[in-house]
Amino acid sequence: IGLELVHEHPECFHDYIAVSQVVDHTRAVEMGIDWLRQEMQANKDQKGLELLDSIENPAYNHSDYRKFAKLATSYGGNYDKSLPELALIAFKAPEYTFIDYFRLLYGMNRGGKPLHANGIMTQYNYIDSIPEIDVPIYFLIGLNDRNTPYALVEEYYSQIKAPFKRLIVFENSAHTP
């Protein structure tokens, strides 16, 4: 939503900083599933392959996408840290209040399904729909991110026009740099 807002209302922004920028849902999931399949075959993970085969590709159904995300996490391509580790980092941050933590847990427990009509995720391709931003942009991405694949973010970065742009890559990270 941030990319869409800065595109539509650049006068309201000084810069745009994106962490793990979404680019193209269809291609991202296809790339992630291909990567998972290779990893699972290399690890002879038959159970994982069976679960992977049960996922619609690309995963537009929110429940299928959650299955994909959990598998990607189990192979190191999504969350780099466990939920307790992320919670500890958040609790140490002075910017957040107790009510913020409550809201975070509420949002995490319900998942993203309420954001998607009938549980079907929106198809988007920002490479085609937002080729230019009128403010400086910074894309921060983990090299091992398979949820919002580094390769897609790098492709988008190379094509998007902006007054200034910078791609910052975290070499030893996935989706949570």
N, C-alpha and C. Protein backbone atom coordinates (compact mmCIF):
# COMPACT_ATOMS: atom_id res chain seq x y z
N ILE A 1 0.82 -1.19 0.00
CA ILE A 1 0.00 0.00 0.00
C ILE A 1 0.87 1.26 0.00
N GLY A 2 2.05 1.17 0.59
CA GLY A 2 2.93 2.34 0.63
C GLY A 2 3.35 2.80 -0.75
N LEU A 3 3.70 1.86 -1.60
CA LEU A 3 4.11 2.19 -2.96
C LEU A 3 2.97 2.87 -3.73
N GLU A 4 1.77 2.35 -3.56
CA GLU A 4 0.62 2.95 -4.23
C GLU A 4 0.35 4.37 -3.71
N LEU A 5 0.48 4.56 -2.40
CA LEU A 5 0.26 5.89 -1.82
C LEU A 5 1.28 6.90 -2.32
N VAL A 6 2.56 6.52 -2.31
CA VAL A 6 3.58 7.47 -2.75
C VAL A 6 3.48 7.74 -4.24
N HIS A 7 2.99 6.79 -5.00
CA HIS A 7 2.78 6.98 -6.43
C HIS A 7 1.64 7.96 -6.69
N GLU A 8 0.54 7.80 -5.95
CA GLU A 8 -0.63 8.63 -6.16
C GLU A 8 -0.53 10.01 -5.50
N HIS A 9 0.24 10.11 -4.42
CA HIS A 9 0.33 11.38 -3.67
C HIS A 9 1.78 11.70 -3.30
N PRO A 10 2.64 11.89 -4.29
CA PRO A 10 4.05 12.15 -3.97
C PRO A 10 4.26 13.44 -3.17
N GLU A 11 3.33 14.37 -3.27
CA GLU A 11 3.46 15.63 -2.54
C GLU A 11 3.41 15.42 -1.02
N CYS A 12 2.94 14.27 -0.59
CA CYS A 12 2.82 13.98 0.85
C CYS A 12 4.06 13.27 1.39
N PHE A 13 5.05 13.00 0.55
CA PHE A 13 6.20 12.20 0.97
C PHE A 13 7.51 12.89 0.63
N HIS A 14 8.47 12.70 1.50
CA HIS A 14 9.83 13.19 1.24
C HIS A 14 10.64 12.10 0.55
N ASP A 15 10.53 10.88 1.04
CA ASP A 15 11.21 9.71 0.51
C ASP A 15 10.27 8.52 0.67
N TYR A 16 10.61 7.43 -0.03
CA TYR A 16 9.90 6.17 0.16
C TYR A 16 10.92 5.11 0.50
N ILE A 17 10.76 4.49 1.67
CA ILE A 17 11.66 3.44 2.13
C ILE A 17 10.85 2.16 2.25
N ALA A 18 11.24 1.13 1.51
CA ALA A 18 10.51 -0.14 1.51
C ALA A 18 11.41 -1.26 2.00
N VAL A 19 10.91 -2.05 2.92
CA VAL A 19 11.61 -3.23 3.39
C VAL A 19 10.88 -4.43 2.80
N SER A 20 11.60 -5.24 2.03
CA SER A 20 11.00 -6.41 1.36
C SER A 20 9.83 -5.98 0.49
N GLN A 21 10.08 -5.10 -0.44
CA GLN A 21 9.05 -4.53 -1.32
C GLN A 21 8.34 -5.61 -2.14
N VAL A 22 7.03 -5.60 -2.08
CA VAL A 22 6.27 -6.50 -2.96
C VAL A 22 6.36 -5.94 -4.37
N VAL A 23 6.41 -6.84 -5.35
CA VAL A 23 6.58 -6.42 -6.74
C VAL A 23 5.52 -7.03 -7.64
N ASP A 24 5.45 -8.35 -7.66
CA ASP A 24 4.54 -9.07 -8.56
C ASP A 24 4.16 -10.38 -7.86
N HIS A 25 2.93 -10.44 -7.35
CA HIS A 25 2.51 -11.60 -6.55
C HIS A 25 2.64 -12.91 -7.33
N THR A 26 2.17 -12.92 -8.55
CA THR A 26 2.20 -14.15 -9.34
C THR A 26 3.62 -14.67 -9.49
N ARG A 27 4.50 -13.84 -9.98
CA ARG A 27 5.88 -14.27 -10.19
C ARG A 27 6.59 -14.60 -8.89
N ALA A 28 6.30 -13.84 -7.82
CA ALA A 28 6.94 -14.09 -6.54
C ALA A 28 6.62 -15.50 -6.03
N VAL A 29 5.34 -15.86 -6.07
CA VAL A 29 4.96 -17.19 -5.58
C VAL A 29 5.49 -18.28 -6.50
N GLU A 30 5.43 -18.07 -7.79
CA GLU A 30 5.98 -19.06 -8.72
C GLU A 30 7.47 -19.29 -8.46
N MET A 31 8.21 -18.19 -8.26
CA MET A 31 9.64 -18.30 -7.98
C MET A 31 9.88 -19.00 -6.65
N GLY A 32 9.06 -18.65 -5.64
CA GLY A 32 9.21 -19.26 -4.33
C GLY A 32 8.92 -20.75 -4.36
N ILE A 33 7.87 -21.13 -5.06
CA ILE A 33 7.52 -22.55 -5.14
C ILE A 33 8.59 -23.32 -5.91
N ASP A 34 9.12 -22.75 -6.98
CA ASP A 34 10.21 -23.41 -7.71
C ASP A 34 11.43 -23.61 -6.81
N TRP A 35 11.77 -22.58 -6.04
CA TRP A 35 12.90 -22.67 -5.12
C TRP A 35 12.65 -23.76 -4.07
N LEU A 36 11.45 -23.74 -3.48
CA LEU A 36 11.11 -24.75 -2.48
C LEU A 36 11.21 -26.16 -3.05
N ARG A 37 10.69 -26.35 -4.26
CA ARG A 37 10.73 -27.67 -4.89
C ARG A 37 12.19 -28.15 -5.02
N GLN A 38 13.07 -27.27 -5.47
CA GLN A 38 14.49 -27.64 -5.60
C GLN A 38 15.09 -28.00 -4.24
N GLU A 39 14.79 -27.18 -3.22
CA GLU A 39 15.32 -27.44 -1.89
C GLU A 39 14.80 -28.77 -1.34
N MET A 40 13.51 -29.00 -1.50
CA MET A 40 12.89 -30.22 -0.98
C MET A 40 13.40 -31.46 -1.71
N GLN A 41 13.58 -31.35 -3.01
CA GLN A 41 14.13 -32.48 -3.76
C GLN A 41 15.55 -32.78 -3.32
N ALA A 42 16.34 -31.72 -3.12
CA ALA A 42 17.72 -31.91 -2.68
C ALA A 42 17.78 -32.54 -1.29
N ASN A 43 16.79 -32.24 -0.45
CA ASN A 43 16.73 -32.77 0.91
C ASN A 43 15.88 -34.04 1.01
N LYS A 44 15.40 -34.52 -0.14
CA LYS A 44 14.55 -35.72 -0.18
C LYS A 44 13.38 -35.61 0.79
N ASP A 45 12.76 -34.43 0.80
CA ASP A 45 11.63 -34.13 1.70
C ASP A 45 10.32 -34.48 0.99
N GLN A 46 9.96 -35.75 1.00
CA GLN A 46 8.76 -36.21 0.30
C GLN A 46 7.49 -35.61 0.89
N LYS A 47 7.44 -35.54 2.22
CA LYS A 47 6.26 -34.96 2.88
C LYS A 47 6.09 -33.49 2.48
N GLY A 48 7.18 -32.76 2.47
CA GLY A 48 7.14 -31.36 2.05
C GLY A 48 6.71 -31.21 0.61
N LEU A 49 7.21 -32.09 -0.26
CA LEU A 49 6.83 -32.05 -1.68
C LEU A 49 5.35 -32.33 -1.86
N GLU A 50 4.81 -33.26 -1.08
CA GLU A 50 3.37 -33.54 -1.16
C GLU A 50 2.56 -32.33 -0.73
N LEU A 51 2.99 -31.66 0.34
CA LEU A 51 2.29 -30.45 0.78
C LEU A 51 2.43 -29.35 -0.26
N LEU A 52 3.61 -29.22 -0.83
CA LEU A 52 3.85 -28.21 -1.86
C LEU A 52 2.95 -28.46 -3.07
N ASP A 53 2.78 -29.72 -3.45
CA ASP A 53 1.92 -30.07 -4.58
C ASP A 53 0.45 -29.76 -4.32
N SER A 54 0.07 -29.65 -3.05
CA SER A 54 -1.33 -29.34 -2.71
C SER A 54 -1.62 -27.84 -2.80
N ILE A 55 -0.59 -27.04 -2.99
CA ILE A 55 -0.75 -25.58 -3.03
C ILE A 55 -0.98 -25.14 -4.47
N GLU A 56 -2.01 -24.33 -4.66
CA GLU A 56 -2.28 -23.74 -5.97
C GLU A 56 -1.07 -22.87 -6.34
N ASN A 57 -0.66 -22.94 -7.59
CA ASN A 57 0.48 -22.14 -8.04
C ASN A 57 0.08 -21.33 -9.26
N PRO A 58 0.05 -20.00 -9.17
CA PRO A 58 0.40 -19.20 -8.01
C PRO A 58 -0.71 -19.22 -6.96
N ALA A 59 -0.34 -18.99 -5.73
CA ALA A 59 -1.26 -19.09 -4.60
C ALA A 59 -2.04 -17.80 -4.43
N TYR A 60 -3.20 -17.72 -5.05
CA TYR A 60 -4.07 -16.55 -4.86
C TYR A 60 -4.99 -16.74 -3.67
N ASN A 61 -5.27 -17.99 -3.31
CA ASN A 61 -6.09 -18.27 -2.14
C ASN A 61 -5.23 -18.04 -0.90
N HIS A 62 -5.75 -17.24 0.03
CA HIS A 62 -4.96 -16.87 1.21
C HIS A 62 -4.48 -18.09 1.99
N SER A 63 -5.32 -19.12 2.13
CA SER A 63 -4.89 -20.29 2.89
C SER A 63 -3.75 -21.03 2.18
N ASP A 64 -3.77 -21.08 0.85
CA ASP A 64 -2.65 -21.67 0.11
C ASP A 64 -1.39 -20.83 0.29
N TYR A 65 -1.55 -19.52 0.26
CA TYR A 65 -0.39 -18.65 0.42
C TYR A 65 0.24 -18.85 1.80
N ARG A 66 -0.58 -19.00 2.82
CA ARG A 66 -0.04 -19.22 4.18
C ARG A 66 0.73 -20.54 4.24
N LYS A 67 0.23 -21.56 3.55
CA LYS A 67 0.98 -22.84 3.50
C LYS A 67 2.35 -22.61 2.84
N PHE A 68 2.32 -21.89 1.72
CA PHE A 68 3.58 -21.58 1.03
C PHE A 68 4.54 -20.82 1.97
N ALA A 69 4.03 -19.79 2.65
CA ALA A 69 4.87 -18.97 3.52
C ALA A 69 5.47 -19.80 4.66
N LYS A 70 4.68 -20.70 5.22
CA LYS A 70 5.20 -21.55 6.31
C LYS A 70 6.30 -22.48 5.79
N LEU A 71 6.10 -23.04 4.60
CA LEU A 71 7.14 -23.89 4.03
C LEU A 71 8.40 -23.08 3.74
N ALA A 72 8.24 -21.87 3.19
CA ALA A 72 9.39 -21.01 2.90
C ALA A 72 10.14 -20.68 4.19
N THR A 73 9.40 -20.44 5.27
CA THR A 73 10.03 -20.16 6.56
C THR A 73 10.83 -21.38 7.02
N SER A 74 10.27 -22.56 6.87
CA SER A 74 10.96 -23.77 7.33
C SER A 74 12.26 -24.03 6.56
N TYR A 75 12.39 -23.46 5.36
CA TYR A 75 13.61 -23.63 4.58
C TYR A 75 14.47 -22.36 4.57
N GLY A 76 14.15 -21.39 5.43
CA GLY A 76 14.99 -20.20 5.58
C GLY A 76 14.76 -19.11 4.55
N GLY A 77 13.65 -19.16 3.83
CA GLY A 77 13.41 -18.15 2.80
C GLY A 77 12.36 -17.12 3.16
N ASN A 78 11.91 -17.13 4.41
CA ASN A 78 10.89 -16.16 4.81
C ASN A 78 11.38 -15.47 6.08
N TYR A 79 10.86 -15.82 7.23
CA TYR A 79 11.29 -15.18 8.47
C TYR A 79 12.62 -15.75 8.93
N ASP A 80 13.55 -14.86 9.20
CA ASP A 80 14.89 -15.25 9.64
C ASP A 80 14.94 -15.53 11.13
N LYS A 81 14.01 -14.94 11.84
CA LYS A 81 13.99 -15.05 13.30
C LYS A 81 12.66 -15.64 13.72
N SER A 82 12.67 -16.28 14.86
CA SER A 82 11.44 -16.86 15.38
C SER A 82 10.54 -15.74 15.91
N LEU A 83 9.28 -16.06 16.11
CA LEU A 83 8.34 -15.09 16.66
C LEU A 83 8.80 -14.56 18.02
N PRO A 84 9.28 -15.41 18.93
CA PRO A 84 9.78 -14.87 20.21
C PRO A 84 10.96 -13.90 20.03
N GLU A 85 11.85 -14.20 19.08
CA GLU A 85 12.99 -13.29 18.83
C GLU A 85 12.50 -11.95 18.29
N LEU A 86 11.55 -12.00 17.35
CA LEU A 86 10.99 -10.76 16.80
C LEU A 86 10.25 -9.98 17.88
N ALA A 87 9.52 -10.69 18.74
CA ALA A 87 8.79 -10.03 19.83
C ALA A 87 9.75 -9.33 20.78
N LEU A 88 10.86 -9.98 21.10
CA LEU A 88 11.84 -9.38 22.00
C LEU A 88 12.41 -8.10 21.39
N ILE A 89 12.71 -8.13 20.11
CA ILE A 89 13.20 -6.93 19.43
C ILE A 89 12.17 -5.81 19.53
N ALA A 90 10.91 -6.14 19.25
CA ALA A 90 9.84 -5.14 19.31
C ALA A 90 9.67 -4.59 20.72
N PHE A 91 9.70 -5.46 21.73
CA PHE A 91 9.50 -5.02 23.11
C PHE A 91 10.60 -4.08 23.58
N LYS A 92 11.77 -4.21 23.00
CA LYS A 92 12.89 -3.34 23.38
C LYS A 92 12.83 -1.98 22.68
N ALA A 93 11.98 -1.86 21.68
CA ALA A 93 11.90 -0.61 20.91
C ALA A 93 11.08 0.42 21.69
N PRO A 94 11.66 1.57 21.99
CA PRO A 94 10.94 2.57 22.79
C PRO A 94 9.80 3.27 22.02
N GLU A 95 9.75 3.07 20.71
CA GLU A 95 8.74 3.74 19.89
C GLU A 95 7.34 3.16 20.08
N TYR A 96 7.25 1.94 20.62
CA TYR A 96 5.96 1.26 20.71
C TYR A 96 5.40 1.32 22.12
N THR A 97 4.08 1.39 22.20
CA THR A 97 3.38 1.38 23.48
C THR A 97 2.75 0.00 23.69
N PHE A 98 2.25 -0.23 24.89
CA PHE A 98 1.62 -1.50 25.22
C PHE A 98 0.45 -1.79 24.27
N ILE A 99 -0.35 -0.78 23.95
CA ILE A 99 -1.50 -0.97 23.06
C ILE A 99 -1.05 -1.36 21.66
N ASP A 100 0.12 -0.89 21.23
CA ASP A 100 0.66 -1.29 19.92
C ASP A 100 0.92 -2.79 19.88
N TYR A 101 1.43 -3.35 20.97
CA TYR A 101 1.69 -4.79 21.01
C TYR A 101 0.38 -5.58 20.95
N PHE A 102 -0.62 -5.08 21.65
CA PHE A 102 -1.94 -5.70 21.61
C PHE A 102 -2.47 -5.74 20.18
N ARG A 103 -2.37 -4.62 19.50
CA ARG A 103 -2.86 -4.52 18.12
C ARG A 103 -2.05 -5.43 17.19
N LEU A 104 -0.76 -5.50 17.41
CA LEU A 104 0.09 -6.38 16.61
C LEU A 104 -0.34 -7.83 16.76
N LEU A 105 -0.51 -8.27 17.99
CA LEU A 105 -0.92 -9.66 18.22
C LEU A 105 -2.29 -9.94 17.63
N TYR A 106 -3.20 -8.98 17.77
CA TYR A 106 -4.53 -9.16 17.19
C TYR A 106 -4.43 -9.33 15.67
N GLY A 107 -3.66 -8.47 15.03
CA GLY A 107 -3.49 -8.56 13.58
C GLY A 107 -2.82 -9.83 13.15
N MET A 108 -1.81 -10.27 13.89
CA MET A 108 -1.10 -11.49 13.53
C MET A 108 -1.99 -12.72 13.70
N ASN A 109 -2.82 -12.71 14.72
CA ASN A 109 -3.69 -13.87 14.97
C ASN A 109 -4.78 -14.02 13.93
N ARG A 110 -5.25 -12.92 13.39
CA ARG A 110 -6.31 -13.05 12.39
C ARG A 110 -5.73 -13.28 11.00
N GLY A 111 -4.44 -13.01 10.82
CA GLY A 111 -3.81 -13.20 9.52
C GLY A 111 -4.27 -12.14 8.53
N GLY A 112 -3.85 -12.27 7.29
CA GLY A 112 -4.19 -11.28 6.26
C GLY A 112 -5.49 -11.56 5.54
N LYS A 113 -6.15 -12.67 5.87
CA LYS A 113 -7.35 -13.06 5.13
C LYS A 113 -8.41 -11.96 5.07
N PRO A 114 -8.68 -11.21 6.17
CA PRO A 114 -9.71 -10.16 6.08
C PRO A 114 -9.39 -9.07 5.06
N LEU A 115 -8.14 -8.98 4.66
CA LEU A 115 -7.75 -7.98 3.67
C LEU A 115 -8.09 -8.39 2.25
N HIS A 116 -8.47 -9.64 2.07
CA HIS A 116 -8.68 -10.18 0.74
C HIS A 116 -10.13 -10.65 0.58
N ALA A 117 -10.82 -10.11 -0.40
CA ALA A 117 -12.22 -10.47 -0.65
C ALA A 117 -12.34 -11.97 -0.88
N ASN A 118 -13.19 -12.61 -0.11
CA ASN A 118 -13.42 -14.06 -0.21
C ASN A 118 -12.13 -14.88 -0.08
N GLY A 119 -11.14 -14.32 0.61
CA GLY A 119 -9.89 -15.04 0.82
C GLY A 119 -8.99 -15.12 -0.39
N ILE A 120 -9.33 -14.39 -1.46
CA ILE A 120 -8.53 -14.41 -2.69
C ILE A 120 -7.63 -13.18 -2.71
N MET A 121 -6.34 -13.40 -2.84
CA MET A 121 -5.38 -12.31 -2.80
C MET A 121 -5.38 -11.52 -4.10
N THR A 122 -5.15 -10.25 -3.97
CA THR A 122 -5.11 -9.35 -5.12
C THR A 122 -3.91 -9.66 -6.00
N GLN A 123 -4.13 -9.65 -7.30
CA GLN A 123 -3.03 -9.80 -8.24
C GLN A 123 -2.48 -8.40 -8.54
N TYR A 124 -1.19 -8.25 -8.47
CA TYR A 124 -0.57 -6.96 -8.77
C TYR A 124 0.76 -7.22 -9.45
N ASN A 125 1.16 -6.25 -10.25
CA ASN A 125 2.45 -6.28 -10.91
C ASN A 125 2.91 -4.82 -10.99
N TYR A 126 3.69 -4.41 -10.00
CA TYR A 126 4.11 -3.01 -9.93
C TYR A 126 5.14 -2.66 -10.99
N ILE A 127 5.82 -3.64 -11.56
CA ILE A 127 6.76 -3.35 -12.64
C ILE A 127 5.99 -2.69 -13.79
N ASP A 128 4.80 -3.20 -14.07
CA ASP A 128 3.97 -2.64 -15.14
C ASP A 128 3.14 -1.44 -14.68
N SER A 129 2.56 -1.53 -13.49
CA SER A 129 1.59 -0.50 -13.08
C SER A 129 2.20 0.73 -12.44
N ILE A 130 3.39 0.61 -11.85
CA ILE A 130 4.04 1.79 -11.23
C ILE A 130 5.50 1.82 -11.70
N PRO A 131 5.73 2.30 -12.92
CA PRO A 131 7.10 2.32 -13.45
C PRO A 131 7.92 3.53 -12.99
N GLU A 132 7.26 4.47 -12.29
CA GLU A 132 7.96 5.69 -11.90
C GLU A 132 7.41 6.22 -10.58
N ILE A 133 8.32 6.73 -9.74
CA ILE A 133 7.97 7.36 -8.47
C ILE A 133 8.63 8.73 -8.48
N ASP A 134 7.92 9.74 -7.98
CA ASP A 134 8.42 11.12 -8.03
C ASP A 134 9.17 11.56 -6.78
N VAL A 135 9.53 10.62 -5.90
CA VAL A 135 10.34 10.93 -4.72
C VAL A 135 11.50 9.93 -4.68
N PRO A 136 12.55 10.25 -3.94
CA PRO A 136 13.64 9.28 -3.79
C PRO A 136 13.14 7.99 -3.16
N ILE A 137 13.69 6.86 -3.61
CA ILE A 137 13.26 5.56 -3.09
C ILE A 137 14.46 4.76 -2.59
N TYR A 138 14.20 3.97 -1.58
CA TYR A 138 15.19 3.07 -1.00
C TYR A 138 14.51 1.72 -0.84
N PHE A 139 15.08 0.70 -1.44
CA PHE A 139 14.58 -0.66 -1.29
C PHE A 139 15.58 -1.43 -0.42
N LEU A 140 15.12 -1.95 0.71
CA LEU A 140 15.92 -2.78 1.59
C LEU A 140 15.41 -4.21 1.44
N ILE A 141 16.32 -5.15 1.17
CA ILE A 141 15.89 -6.52 0.88
C ILE A 141 16.94 -7.51 1.37
N GLY A 142 16.46 -8.63 1.89
CA GLY A 142 17.34 -9.73 2.26
C GLY A 142 17.67 -10.55 1.03
N LEU A 143 18.92 -10.89 0.86
CA LEU A 143 19.36 -11.65 -0.30
C LEU A 143 18.65 -13.00 -0.41
N ASN A 144 18.30 -13.59 0.73
CA ASN A 144 17.68 -14.91 0.74
C ASN A 144 16.16 -14.87 0.86
N ASP A 145 15.57 -13.71 0.64
CA ASP A 145 14.11 -13.57 0.74
C ASP A 145 13.44 -14.31 -0.41
N ARG A 146 12.56 -15.25 -0.09
CA ARG A 146 11.80 -15.99 -1.10
C ARG A 146 10.31 -15.64 -1.03
N ASN A 147 9.94 -14.80 -0.08
CA ASN A 147 8.56 -14.32 0.04
C ASN A 147 8.36 -13.14 -0.91
N THR A 148 9.22 -12.16 -0.80
CA THR A 148 9.30 -11.07 -1.78
C THR A 148 10.70 -11.20 -2.39
N PRO A 149 10.84 -12.05 -3.40
CA PRO A 149 12.17 -12.47 -3.86
C PRO A 149 13.11 -11.32 -4.23
N TYR A 150 14.31 -11.46 -3.73
CA TYR A 150 15.37 -10.49 -4.03
C TYR A 150 15.47 -10.25 -5.54
N ALA A 151 15.40 -11.31 -6.33
CA ALA A 151 15.54 -11.17 -7.79
C ALA A 151 14.47 -10.24 -8.37
N LEU A 152 13.25 -10.32 -7.86
CA LEU A 152 12.18 -9.44 -8.35
C LEU A 152 12.39 -8.00 -7.91
N VAL A 153 12.81 -7.82 -6.66
CA VAL A 153 13.06 -6.47 -6.16
C VAL A 153 14.20 -5.83 -6.95
N GLU A 154 15.23 -6.61 -7.22
CA GLU A 154 16.36 -6.10 -8.00
C GLU A 154 15.91 -5.74 -9.43
N GLU A 155 15.09 -6.57 -10.03
CA GLU A 155 14.57 -6.28 -11.37
C GLU A 155 13.76 -4.99 -11.38
N TYR A 156 12.88 -4.85 -10.39
CA TYR A 156 12.04 -3.64 -10.30
C TYR A 156 12.92 -2.41 -10.07
N TYR A 157 13.88 -2.54 -9.16
CA TYR A 157 14.80 -1.44 -8.88
C TYR A 157 15.53 -0.99 -10.14
N SER A 158 15.96 -1.93 -10.97
CA SER A 158 16.71 -1.57 -12.17
C SER A 158 15.83 -0.85 -13.19
N GLN A 159 14.51 -1.04 -13.12
CA GLN A 159 13.62 -0.45 -14.12
C GLN A 159 12.88 0.80 -13.64
N ILE A 160 12.61 0.90 -12.35
CA ILE A 160 11.81 2.02 -11.86
C ILE A 160 12.57 3.33 -12.00
N LYS A 161 11.85 4.36 -12.38
CA LYS A 161 12.44 5.69 -12.50
C LYS A 161 12.09 6.47 -11.25
N ALA A 162 13.09 7.18 -10.71
CA ALA A 162 12.91 8.00 -9.52
C ALA A 162 14.01 9.06 -9.51
N PRO A 163 13.79 10.18 -8.81
CA PRO A 163 14.84 11.21 -8.76
C PRO A 163 16.14 10.69 -8.14
N PHE A 164 16.01 9.74 -7.24
CA PHE A 164 17.15 9.08 -6.62
C PHE A 164 16.65 7.71 -6.18
N LYS A 165 17.50 6.70 -6.30
CA LYS A 165 17.11 5.38 -5.82
C LYS A 165 18.33 4.64 -5.31
N ARG A 166 18.06 3.76 -4.34
CA ARG A 166 19.13 2.96 -3.79
C ARG A 166 18.59 1.60 -3.37
N LEU A 167 19.32 0.56 -3.71
CA LEU A 167 19.00 -0.80 -3.32
C LEU A 167 19.99 -1.21 -2.24
N ILE A 168 19.47 -1.56 -1.06
CA ILE A 168 20.31 -1.95 0.06
C ILE A 168 20.03 -3.43 0.33
N VAL A 169 21.05 -4.27 0.14
CA VAL A 169 20.90 -5.72 0.25
C VAL A 169 21.55 -6.20 1.54
N PHE A 170 20.77 -6.97 2.30
CA PHE A 170 21.27 -7.61 3.51
C PHE A 170 21.69 -9.03 3.12
N GLU A 171 22.99 -9.25 3.08
CA GLU A 171 23.55 -10.50 2.54
C GLU A 171 23.14 -11.75 3.32
N ASN A 172 22.97 -11.65 4.63
CA ASN A 172 22.71 -12.80 5.48
C ASN A 172 21.30 -12.78 6.04
N SER A 173 20.34 -12.38 5.20
CA SER A 173 18.98 -12.23 5.68
C SER A 173 18.01 -12.70 4.62
N ALA A 174 16.79 -12.98 5.07
CA ALA A 174 15.69 -13.31 4.15
C ALA A 174 14.64 -12.20 4.26
N HIS A 175 13.43 -12.52 4.69
CA HIS A 175 12.32 -11.57 4.66
C HIS A 175 12.32 -10.57 5.82
N THR A 176 13.16 -10.76 6.81
CA THR A 176 13.19 -9.84 7.94
C THR A 176 14.58 -9.26 8.15
N PRO A 177 15.04 -8.44 7.20
CA PRO A 177 16.39 -7.89 7.37
C PRO A 177 16.48 -6.96 8.58
